[in-house]
Amino acid sequence: MNKSVNEEQMPFTMKNYITILVGMLVIFLGFVLMSGGGEHSVTAFDDTIFSFRRITLAPIVVVAGFVVVGVGIMKRFKGGSIN
């Protein structure tokens, strides 16, 4: 079968898959940024759970990751190679 015809029928190119993978890694990074801050004692309150990293930065990183995944799914890249 002709290579150009086969590439036209494929819904995603290699660039799409790489973009989706990068977006998934950014989402994972956002959840890692959210983690931690557990209580070490049941009687003492630790206010590090309300840090800038957990309340502001991590959700922004997660949403950015979802945007990157959406771009990877919706955008039609030309050609199948990474060049």
PDB file of N, CA and C in Angstrom:
ATOM      1  N   MET A   1       0.844  -1.177   0.000  1.00  0.00           N
ATOM      2  CA  MET A   1       0.000   0.000   0.000  1.00  0.00           C
ATOM      3  C   MET A   1       0.889   1.240   0.000  1.00  0.00           C
ATOM      4  N   ASN A   2       0.432   2.284  -0.588  1.00  0.00           N
ATOM      5  CA  ASN A   2       1.189   3.524  -0.687  1.00  0.00           C
ATOM      6  C   ASN A   2       1.346   4.161   0.690  1.00  0.00           C
ATOM      7  N   LYS A   3       2.570   4.601   1.023  1.00  0.00           N
ATOM      8  CA  LYS A   3       2.855   5.144   2.355  1.00  0.00           C
ATOM      9  C   LYS A   3       2.078   6.423   2.625  1.00  0.00           C
ATOM     10  N   SER A   4       1.964   7.314   1.651  1.00  0.00           N
ATOM     11  CA  SER A   4       1.260   8.575   1.878  1.00  0.00           C
ATOM     12  C   SER A   4      -0.228   8.347   2.095  1.00  0.00           C
ATOM     13  N   VAL A   5      -0.811   7.370   1.429  1.00  0.00           N
ATOM     14  CA  VAL A   5      -2.228   7.074   1.630  1.00  0.00           C
ATOM     15  C   VAL A   5      -2.436   6.505   3.027  1.00  0.00           C
ATOM     16  N   ASN A   6      -1.526   5.651   3.483  1.00  0.00           N
ATOM     17  CA  ASN A   6      -1.639   5.062   4.805  1.00  0.00           C
ATOM     18  C   ASN A   6      -1.497   6.123   5.894  1.00  0.00           C
ATOM     19  N   GLU A   7      -0.588   7.086   5.723  1.00  0.00           N
ATOM     20  CA  GLU A   7      -0.422   8.154   6.705  1.00  0.00           C
ATOM     21  C   GLU A   7      -1.641   9.065   6.741  1.00  0.00           C
ATOM     22  N   GLU A   8      -2.309   9.264   5.628  1.00  0.00           N
ATOM     23  CA  GLU A   8      -3.502  10.101   5.588  1.00  0.00           C
ATOM     24  C   GLU A   8      -4.641   9.461   6.382  1.00  0.00           C
ATOM     25  N   GLN A   9      -4.684   8.145   6.455  1.00  0.00           N
ATOM     26  CA  GLN A   9      -5.772   7.454   7.137  1.00  0.00           C
ATOM     27  C   GLN A   9      -5.550   7.357   8.641  1.00  0.00           C
ATOM     28  N   MET A  10      -4.339   7.550   9.106  1.00  0.00           N
ATOM     29  CA  MET A  10      -4.042   7.455  10.529  1.00  0.00           C
ATOM     30  C   MET A  10      -4.562   8.695  11.254  1.00  0.00           C
ATOM     31  N   PRO A  11      -5.279   8.529  12.345  1.00  0.00           N
ATOM     32  CA  PRO A  11      -5.825   9.697  13.047  1.00  0.00           C
ATOM     33  C   PRO A  11      -4.756  10.507  13.778  1.00  0.00           C
ATOM     34  N   PHE A  12      -3.727   9.852  14.291  1.00  0.00           N
ATOM     35  CA  PHE A  12      -2.664  10.535  15.022  1.00  0.00           C
ATOM     36  C   PHE A  12      -1.317  10.270  14.367  1.00  0.00           C
ATOM     37  N   THR A  13      -0.456  11.270  14.433  1.00  0.00           N
ATOM     38  CA  THR A  13       0.923  11.094  13.993  1.00  0.00           C
ATOM     39  C   THR A  13       1.800  10.909  15.230  1.00  0.00           C
ATOM     40  N   MET A  14       3.084  10.704  15.001  1.00  0.00           N
ATOM     41  CA  MET A  14       4.010  10.538  16.120  1.00  0.00           C
ATOM     42  C   MET A  14       4.063  11.806  16.975  1.00  0.00           C
ATOM     43  N   LYS A  15       3.927  12.973  16.342  1.00  0.00           N
ATOM     44  CA  LYS A  15       3.930  14.232  17.098  1.00  0.00           C
ATOM     45  C   LYS A  15       2.729  14.317  18.034  1.00  0.00           C
ATOM     46  N   ASN A  16       1.586  13.788  17.605  1.00  0.00           N
ATOM     47  CA  ASN A  16       0.414  13.753  18.477  1.00  0.00           C
ATOM     48  C   ASN A  16       0.687  12.897  19.717  1.00  0.00           C
ATOM     49  N   TYR A  17       1.247  11.724  19.503  1.00  0.00           N
ATOM     50  CA  TYR A  17       1.530  10.838  20.627  1.00  0.00           C
ATOM     51  C   TYR A  17       2.544  11.447  21.581  1.00  0.00           C
ATOM     52  N   ILE A  18       3.554  12.102  21.054  1.00  0.00           N
ATOM     53  CA  ILE A  18       4.561  12.743  21.911  1.00  0.00           C
ATOM     54  C   ILE A  18       3.928  13.895  22.691  1.00  0.00           C
ATOM     55  N   THR A  19       3.072  14.676  22.054  1.00  0.00           N
ATOM     56  CA  THR A  19       2.395  15.782  22.740  1.00  0.00           C
ATOM     57  C   THR A  19       1.494  15.258  23.852  1.00  0.00           C
ATOM     58  N   ILE A  20       0.775  14.186  23.595  1.00  0.00           N
ATOM     59  CA  ILE A  20      -0.084  13.591  24.619  1.00  0.00           C
ATOM     60  C   ILE A  20       0.754  13.063  25.775  1.00  0.00           C
ATOM     61  N   LEU A  21       1.868  12.418  25.477  1.00  0.00           N
ATOM     62  CA  LEU A  21       2.747  11.895  26.522  1.00  0.00           C
ATOM     63  C   LEU A  21       3.327  13.023  27.378  1.00  0.00           C
ATOM     64  N   VAL A  22       3.751  14.107  26.743  1.00  0.00           N
ATOM     65  CA  VAL A  22       4.268  15.259  27.494  1.00  0.00           C
ATOM     66  C   VAL A  22       3.179  15.836  28.392  1.00  0.00           C
ATOM     67  N   GLY A  23       1.964  15.936  27.883  1.00  0.00           N
ATOM     68  CA  GLY A  23       0.856  16.430  28.692  1.00  0.00           C
ATOM     69  C   GLY A  23       0.570  15.534  29.888  1.00  0.00           C
ATOM     70  N   MET A  24       0.647  14.231  29.699  1.00  0.00           N
ATOM     71  CA  MET A  24       0.437  13.304  30.805  1.00  0.00           C
ATOM     72  C   MET A  24       1.539  13.437  31.854  1.00  0.00           C
ATOM     73  N   LEU A  25       2.762  13.662  31.412  1.00  0.00           N
ATOM     74  CA  LEU A  25       3.861  13.872  32.356  1.00  0.00           C
ATOM     75  C   LEU A  25       3.682  15.172  33.137  1.00  0.00           C
ATOM     76  N   VAL A  26       3.167  16.215  32.485  1.00  0.00           N
ATOM     77  CA  VAL A  26       2.905  17.487  33.176  1.00  0.00           C
ATOM     78  C   VAL A  26       1.796  17.300  34.208  1.00  0.00           C
ATOM     79  N   ILE A  27       0.765  16.532  33.869  1.00  0.00           N
ATOM     80  CA  ILE A  27      -0.312  16.241  34.824  1.00  0.00           C
ATOM     81  C   ILE A  27       0.254  15.481  36.022  1.00  0.00           C
ATOM     82  N   PHE A  28       1.081  14.496  35.770  1.00  0.00           N
ATOM     83  CA  PHE A  28       1.698  13.725  36.851  1.00  0.00           C
ATOM     84  C   PHE A  28       2.540  14.635  37.746  1.00  0.00           C
ATOM     85  N   LEU A  29       3.301  15.544  37.131  1.00  0.00           N
ATOM     86  CA  LEU A  29       4.109  16.492  37.894  1.00  0.00           C
ATOM     87  C   LEU A  29       3.220  17.366  38.780  1.00  0.00           C
ATOM     88  N   GLY A  30       2.079  17.796  38.262  1.00  0.00           N
ATOM     89  CA  GLY A  30       1.154  18.597  39.052  1.00  0.00           C
ATOM     90  C   GLY A  30       0.631  17.848  40.261  1.00  0.00           C
ATOM     91  N   PHE A  31       0.319  16.572  40.094  1.00  0.00           N
ATOM     92  CA  PHE A  31      -0.154  15.784  41.232  1.00  0.00           C
ATOM     93  C   PHE A  31       0.964  15.522  42.235  1.00  0.00           C
ATOM     94  N   VAL A  32       2.192  15.388  41.758  1.00  0.00           N
ATOM     95  CA  VAL A  32       3.323  15.250  42.680  1.00  0.00           C
ATOM     96  C   VAL A  32       3.499  16.532  43.485  1.00  0.00           C
ATOM     97  N   LEU A  33       3.326  17.683  42.827  1.00  0.00           N
ATOM     98  CA  LEU A  33       3.421  18.956  43.547  1.00  0.00           C
ATOM     99  C   LEU A  33       2.328  19.091  44.602  1.00  0.00           C
ATOM    100  N   MET A  34       1.165  18.492  44.361  1.00  0.00           N
ATOM    101  CA  MET A  34       0.068  18.553  45.328  1.00  0.00           C
ATOM    102  C   MET A  34       0.278  17.649  46.526  1.00  0.00           C
ATOM    103  N   SER A  35       1.098  16.633  46.387  1.00  0.00           N
ATOM    104  CA  SER A  35       1.219  15.619  47.435  1.00  0.00           C
ATOM    105  C   SER A  35       1.996  16.140  48.633  1.00  0.00           C
ATOM    106  N   GLY A  36       1.918  15.379  49.699  1.00  0.00           N
ATOM    107  CA  GLY A  36       2.637  15.709  50.924  1.00  0.00           C
ATOM    108  C   GLY A  36       1.825  16.562  51.859  1.00  0.00           C
ATOM    109  N   GLY A  37       2.471  17.026  52.910  1.00  0.00           N
ATOM    110  CA  GLY A  37       1.804  17.903  53.869  1.00  0.00           C
ATOM    111  C   GLY A  37       0.924  17.179  54.853  1.00  0.00           C
ATOM    112  N   GLY A  38       1.176  15.885  55.047  1.00  0.00           N
ATOM    113  CA  GLY A  38       0.369  15.133  55.996  1.00  0.00           C
ATOM    114  C   GLY A  38       0.716  15.470  57.432  1.00  0.00           C
ATOM    115  N   GLU A  39      -0.199  15.163  58.311  1.00  0.00           N
ATOM    116  CA  GLU A  39       0.000  15.426  59.736  1.00  0.00           C
ATOM    117  C   GLU A  39       0.962  14.393  60.316  1.00  0.00           C
ATOM    118  N   HIS A  40       1.884  14.881  61.136  1.00  0.00           N
ATOM    119  CA  HIS A  40       2.820  13.986  61.814  1.00  0.00           C
ATOM    120  C   HIS A  40       2.304  13.621  63.199  1.00  0.00           C
ATOM    121  N   SER A  41       1.399  14.407  63.706  1.00  0.00           N
ATOM    122  CA  SER A  41       0.819  14.173  65.023  1.00  0.00           C
ATOM    123  C   SER A  41      -0.685  14.444  64.931  1.00  0.00           C
ATOM    124  N   VAL A  42      -1.458  13.676  65.677  1.00  0.00           N
ATOM    125  CA  VAL A  42      -2.903  13.863  65.636  1.00  0.00           C
ATOM    126  C   VAL A  42      -3.344  15.066  66.472  1.00  0.00           C
ATOM    127  N   THR A  43      -2.473  15.570  67.342  1.00  0.00           N
ATOM    128  CA  THR A  43      -2.852  16.687  68.204  1.00  0.00           C
ATOM    129  C   THR A  43      -2.386  18.039  67.675  1.00  0.00           C
ATOM    130  N   ALA A  44      -1.410  18.052  66.771  1.00  0.00           N
ATOM    131  CA  ALA A  44      -0.861  19.315  66.267  1.00  0.00           C
ATOM    132  C   ALA A  44      -1.328  19.542  64.836  1.00  0.00           C
ATOM    133  N   PHE A  45      -1.622  20.805  64.524  1.00  0.00           N
ATOM    134  CA  PHE A  45      -2.037  21.161  63.165  1.00  0.00           C
ATOM    135  C   PHE A  45      -0.839  21.714  62.409  1.00  0.00           C
ATOM    136  N   ASP A  46      -0.631  21.201  61.209  1.00  0.00           N
ATOM    137  CA  ASP A  46       0.477  21.647  60.368  1.00  0.00           C
ATOM    138  C   ASP A  46      -0.105  22.436  59.200  1.00  0.00           C
ATOM    139  N   ASP A  47       0.208  23.731  59.121  1.00  0.00           N
ATOM    140  CA  ASP A  47      -0.387  24.568  58.087  1.00  0.00           C
ATOM    141  C   ASP A  47       0.383  24.555  56.765  1.00  0.00           C
ATOM    142  N   THR A  48       1.327  23.638  56.597  1.00  0.00           N
ATOM    143  CA  THR A  48       2.034  23.563  55.312  1.00  0.00           C
ATOM    144  C   THR A  48       1.131  23.038  54.201  1.00  0.00           C
ATOM    145  N   ILE A  49      -0.011  22.489  54.562  1.00  0.00           N
ATOM    146  CA  ILE A  49      -0.957  22.027  53.546  1.00  0.00           C
ATOM    147  C   ILE A  49      -1.493  23.200  52.722  1.00  0.00           C
ATOM    148  N   PHE A  50      -1.434  24.404  53.272  1.00  0.00           N
ATOM    149  CA  PHE A  50      -1.944  25.584  52.594  1.00  0.00           C
ATOM    150  C   PHE A  50      -0.836  26.388  51.916  1.00  0.00           C
ATOM    151  N   SER A  51       0.224  25.742  51.501  1.00  0.00           N
ATOM    152  CA  SER A  51       1.338  26.450  50.865  1.00  0.00           C
ATOM    153  C   SER A  51       0.973  26.853  49.431  1.00  0.00           C
ATOM    154  N   PHE A  52       1.719  27.798  48.900  1.00  0.00           N
ATOM    155  CA  PHE A  52       1.508  28.265  47.524  1.00  0.00           C
ATOM    156  C   PHE A  52       1.634  27.120  46.527  1.00  0.00           C
ATOM    157  N   ARG A  53       2.577  26.235  46.768  1.00  0.00           N
ATOM    158  CA  ARG A  53       2.814  25.124  45.852  1.00  0.00           C
ATOM    159  C   ARG A  53       1.594  24.219  45.743  1.00  0.00           C
ATOM    160  N   ARG A  54       0.957  23.906  46.857  1.00  0.00           N
ATOM    161  CA  ARG A  54      -0.180  22.975  46.846  1.00  0.00           C
ATOM    162  C   ARG A  54      -1.496  23.627  46.450  1.00  0.00           C
ATOM    163  N   ILE A  55      -1.684  24.885  46.807  1.00  0.00           N
ATOM    164  CA  ILE A  55      -2.974  25.539  46.575  1.00  0.00           C
ATOM    165  C   ILE A  55      -3.043  26.228  45.217  1.00  0.00           C
ATOM    166  N   THR A  56      -1.930  26.778  44.746  1.00  0.00           N
ATOM    167  CA  THR A  56      -1.964  27.576  43.519  1.00  0.00           C
ATOM    168  C   THR A  56      -1.187  26.934  42.381  1.00  0.00           C
ATOM    169  N   LEU A  57       0.074  26.622  42.617  1.00  0.00           N
ATOM    170  CA  LEU A  57       0.952  26.147  41.546  1.00  0.00           C
ATOM    171  C   LEU A  57       0.522  24.789  40.993  1.00  0.00           C
ATOM    172  N   ALA A  58       0.268  23.836  41.861  1.00  0.00           N
ATOM    173  CA  ALA A  58      -0.071  22.486  41.406  1.00  0.00           C
ATOM    174  C   ALA A  58      -1.348  22.437  40.561  1.00  0.00           C
ATOM    175  N   PRO A  59      -2.448  23.092  40.957  1.00  0.00           N
ATOM    176  CA  PRO A  59      -3.629  23.063  40.076  1.00  0.00           C
ATOM    177  C   PRO A  59      -3.392  23.724  38.721  1.00  0.00           C
ATOM    178  N   ILE A  60      -2.589  24.786  38.691  1.00  0.00           N
ATOM    179  CA  ILE A  60      -2.279  25.426  37.414  1.00  0.00           C
ATOM    180  C   ILE A  60      -1.492  24.473  36.522  1.00  0.00           C
ATOM    181  N   VAL A  61      -0.539  23.742  37.113  1.00  0.00           N
ATOM    182  CA  VAL A  61       0.258  22.785  36.340  1.00  0.00           C
ATOM    183  C   VAL A  61      -0.632  21.653  35.818  1.00  0.00           C
ATOM    184  N   VAL A  62      -1.559  21.171  36.632  1.00  0.00           N
ATOM    185  CA  VAL A  62      -2.462  20.095  36.197  1.00  0.00           C
ATOM    186  C   VAL A  62      -3.354  20.561  35.050  1.00  0.00           C
ATOM    187  N   VAL A  63      -3.929  21.737  35.175  1.00  0.00           N
ATOM    188  CA  VAL A  63      -4.786  22.263  34.106  1.00  0.00           C
ATOM    189  C   VAL A  63      -3.978  22.475  32.831  1.00  0.00           C
ATOM    190  N   ALA A  64      -2.737  22.968  32.958  1.00  0.00           N
ATOM    191  CA  ALA A  64      -1.873  23.130  31.781  1.00  0.00           C
ATOM    192  C   ALA A  64      -1.598  21.780  31.130  1.00  0.00           C
ATOM    193  N   GLY A  65      -1.420  20.748  31.925  1.00  0.00           N
ATOM    194  CA  GLY A  65      -1.224  19.408  31.374  1.00  0.00           C
ATOM    195  C   GLY A  65      -2.433  18.922  30.604  1.00  0.00           C
ATOM    196  N   PHE A  66      -3.626  19.188  31.130  1.00  0.00           N
ATOM    197  CA  PHE A  66      -4.841  18.804  30.405  1.00  0.00           C
ATOM    198  C   PHE A  66      -4.979  19.580  29.096  1.00  0.00           C
ATOM    199  N   VAL A  67      -4.565  20.825  29.098  1.00  0.00           N
ATOM    200  CA  VAL A  67      -4.592  21.617  27.861  1.00  0.00           C
ATOM    201  C   VAL A  67      -3.634  21.025  26.835  1.00  0.00           C
ATOM    202  N   VAL A  68      -2.442  20.632  27.274  1.00  0.00           N
ATOM    203  CA  VAL A  68      -1.457  20.036  26.355  1.00  0.00           C
ATOM    204  C   VAL A  68      -1.992  18.724  25.790  1.00  0.00           C
ATOM    205  N   VAL A  69      -2.629  17.899  26.620  1.00  0.00           N
ATOM    206  CA  VAL A  69      -3.219  16.648  26.126  1.00  0.00           C
ATOM    207  C   VAL A  69      -4.322  16.958  25.113  1.00  0.00           C
ATOM    208  N   GLY A  70      -5.144  17.954  25.388  1.00  0.00           N
ATOM    209  CA  GLY A  70      -6.199  18.343  24.451  1.00  0.00           C
ATOM    210  C   GLY A  70      -5.642  18.799  23.117  1.00  0.00           C
ATOM    211  N   VAL A  71      -4.558  19.563  23.166  1.00  0.00           N
ATOM    212  CA  VAL A  71      -3.907  19.987  21.914  1.00  0.00           C
ATOM    213  C   VAL A  71      -3.368  18.773  21.173  1.00  0.00           C
ATOM    214  N   GLY A  72      -2.786  17.839  21.907  1.00  0.00           N
ATOM    215  CA  GLY A  72      -2.259  16.629  21.271  1.00  0.00           C
ATOM    216  C   GLY A  72      -3.333  15.796  20.604  1.00  0.00           C
ATOM    217  N   ILE A  73      -4.539  15.834  21.154  1.00  0.00           N
ATOM    218  CA  ILE A  73      -5.640  15.070  20.563  1.00  0.00           C
ATOM    219  C   ILE A  73      -6.272  15.824  19.395  1.00  0.00           C
ATOM    220  N   MET A  74      -6.452  17.126  19.539  1.00  0.00           N
ATOM    221  CA  MET A  74      -7.221  17.889  18.557  1.00  0.00           C
ATOM    222  C   MET A  74      -6.409  18.393  17.364  1.00  0.00           C
ATOM    223  N   LYS A  75      -5.133  18.698  17.558  1.00  0.00           N
ATOM    224  CA  LYS A  75      -4.342  19.306  16.484  1.00  0.00           C
ATOM    225  C   LYS A  75      -3.945  18.258  15.448  1.00  0.00           C
ATOM    226  N   ARG A  76      -4.025  18.645  14.220  1.00  0.00           N
ATOM    227  CA  ARG A  76      -3.632  17.768  13.114  1.00  0.00           C
ATOM    228  C   ARG A  76      -2.242  18.184  12.659  1.00  0.00           C
ATOM    229  N   PHE A  77      -1.226  17.417  13.051  1.00  0.00           N
ATOM    230  CA  PHE A  77       0.144  17.693  12.652  1.00  0.00           C
ATOM    231  C   PHE A  77       0.370  17.138  11.248  1.00  0.00           C
ATOM    232  N   LYS A  78       1.179  17.828  10.468  1.00  0.00           N
ATOM    233  CA  LYS A  78       1.500  17.392   9.117  1.00  0.00           C
ATOM    234  C   LYS A  78       2.639  16.386   9.156  1.00  0.00           C
ATOM    235  N   GLY A  79       2.467  15.280   8.494  1.00  0.00           N
ATOM    236  CA  GLY A  79       3.521  14.275   8.400  1.00  0.00           C
ATOM    237  C   GLY A  79       3.608  13.412   9.630  1.00  0.00           C
ATOM    238  N   GLY A  80       4.173  12.232   9.456  1.00  0.00           N
ATOM    239  CA  GLY A  80       4.246  11.291  10.556  1.00  0.00           C
ATOM    240  C   GLY A  80       5.576  11.289  11.285  1.00  0.00           C
ATOM    241  N   SER A  81       6.575  11.951  10.732  1.00  0.00           N
ATOM    242  CA  SER A  81       7.883  11.914  11.371  1.00  0.00           C
ATOM    243  C   SER A  81       8.034  13.046  12.372  1.00  0.00           C
ATOM    244  N   ILE A  82       9.029  12.945  13.206  1.00  0.00           N
ATOM    245  CA  ILE A  82       9.272  13.922  14.263  1.00  0.00           C
ATOM    246  C   ILE A  82      10.069  15.097  13.742  1.00  0.00           C
ATOM    247  N   ASN A  83      10.619  15.029  12.573  1.00  0.00           N
ATOM    248  CA  ASN A  83      11.506  16.068  12.022  1.00  0.00           C
ATOM    249  C   ASN A  83      10.919  17.426  12.110  1.00  0.00           C
TER     250      ASN A  83
END
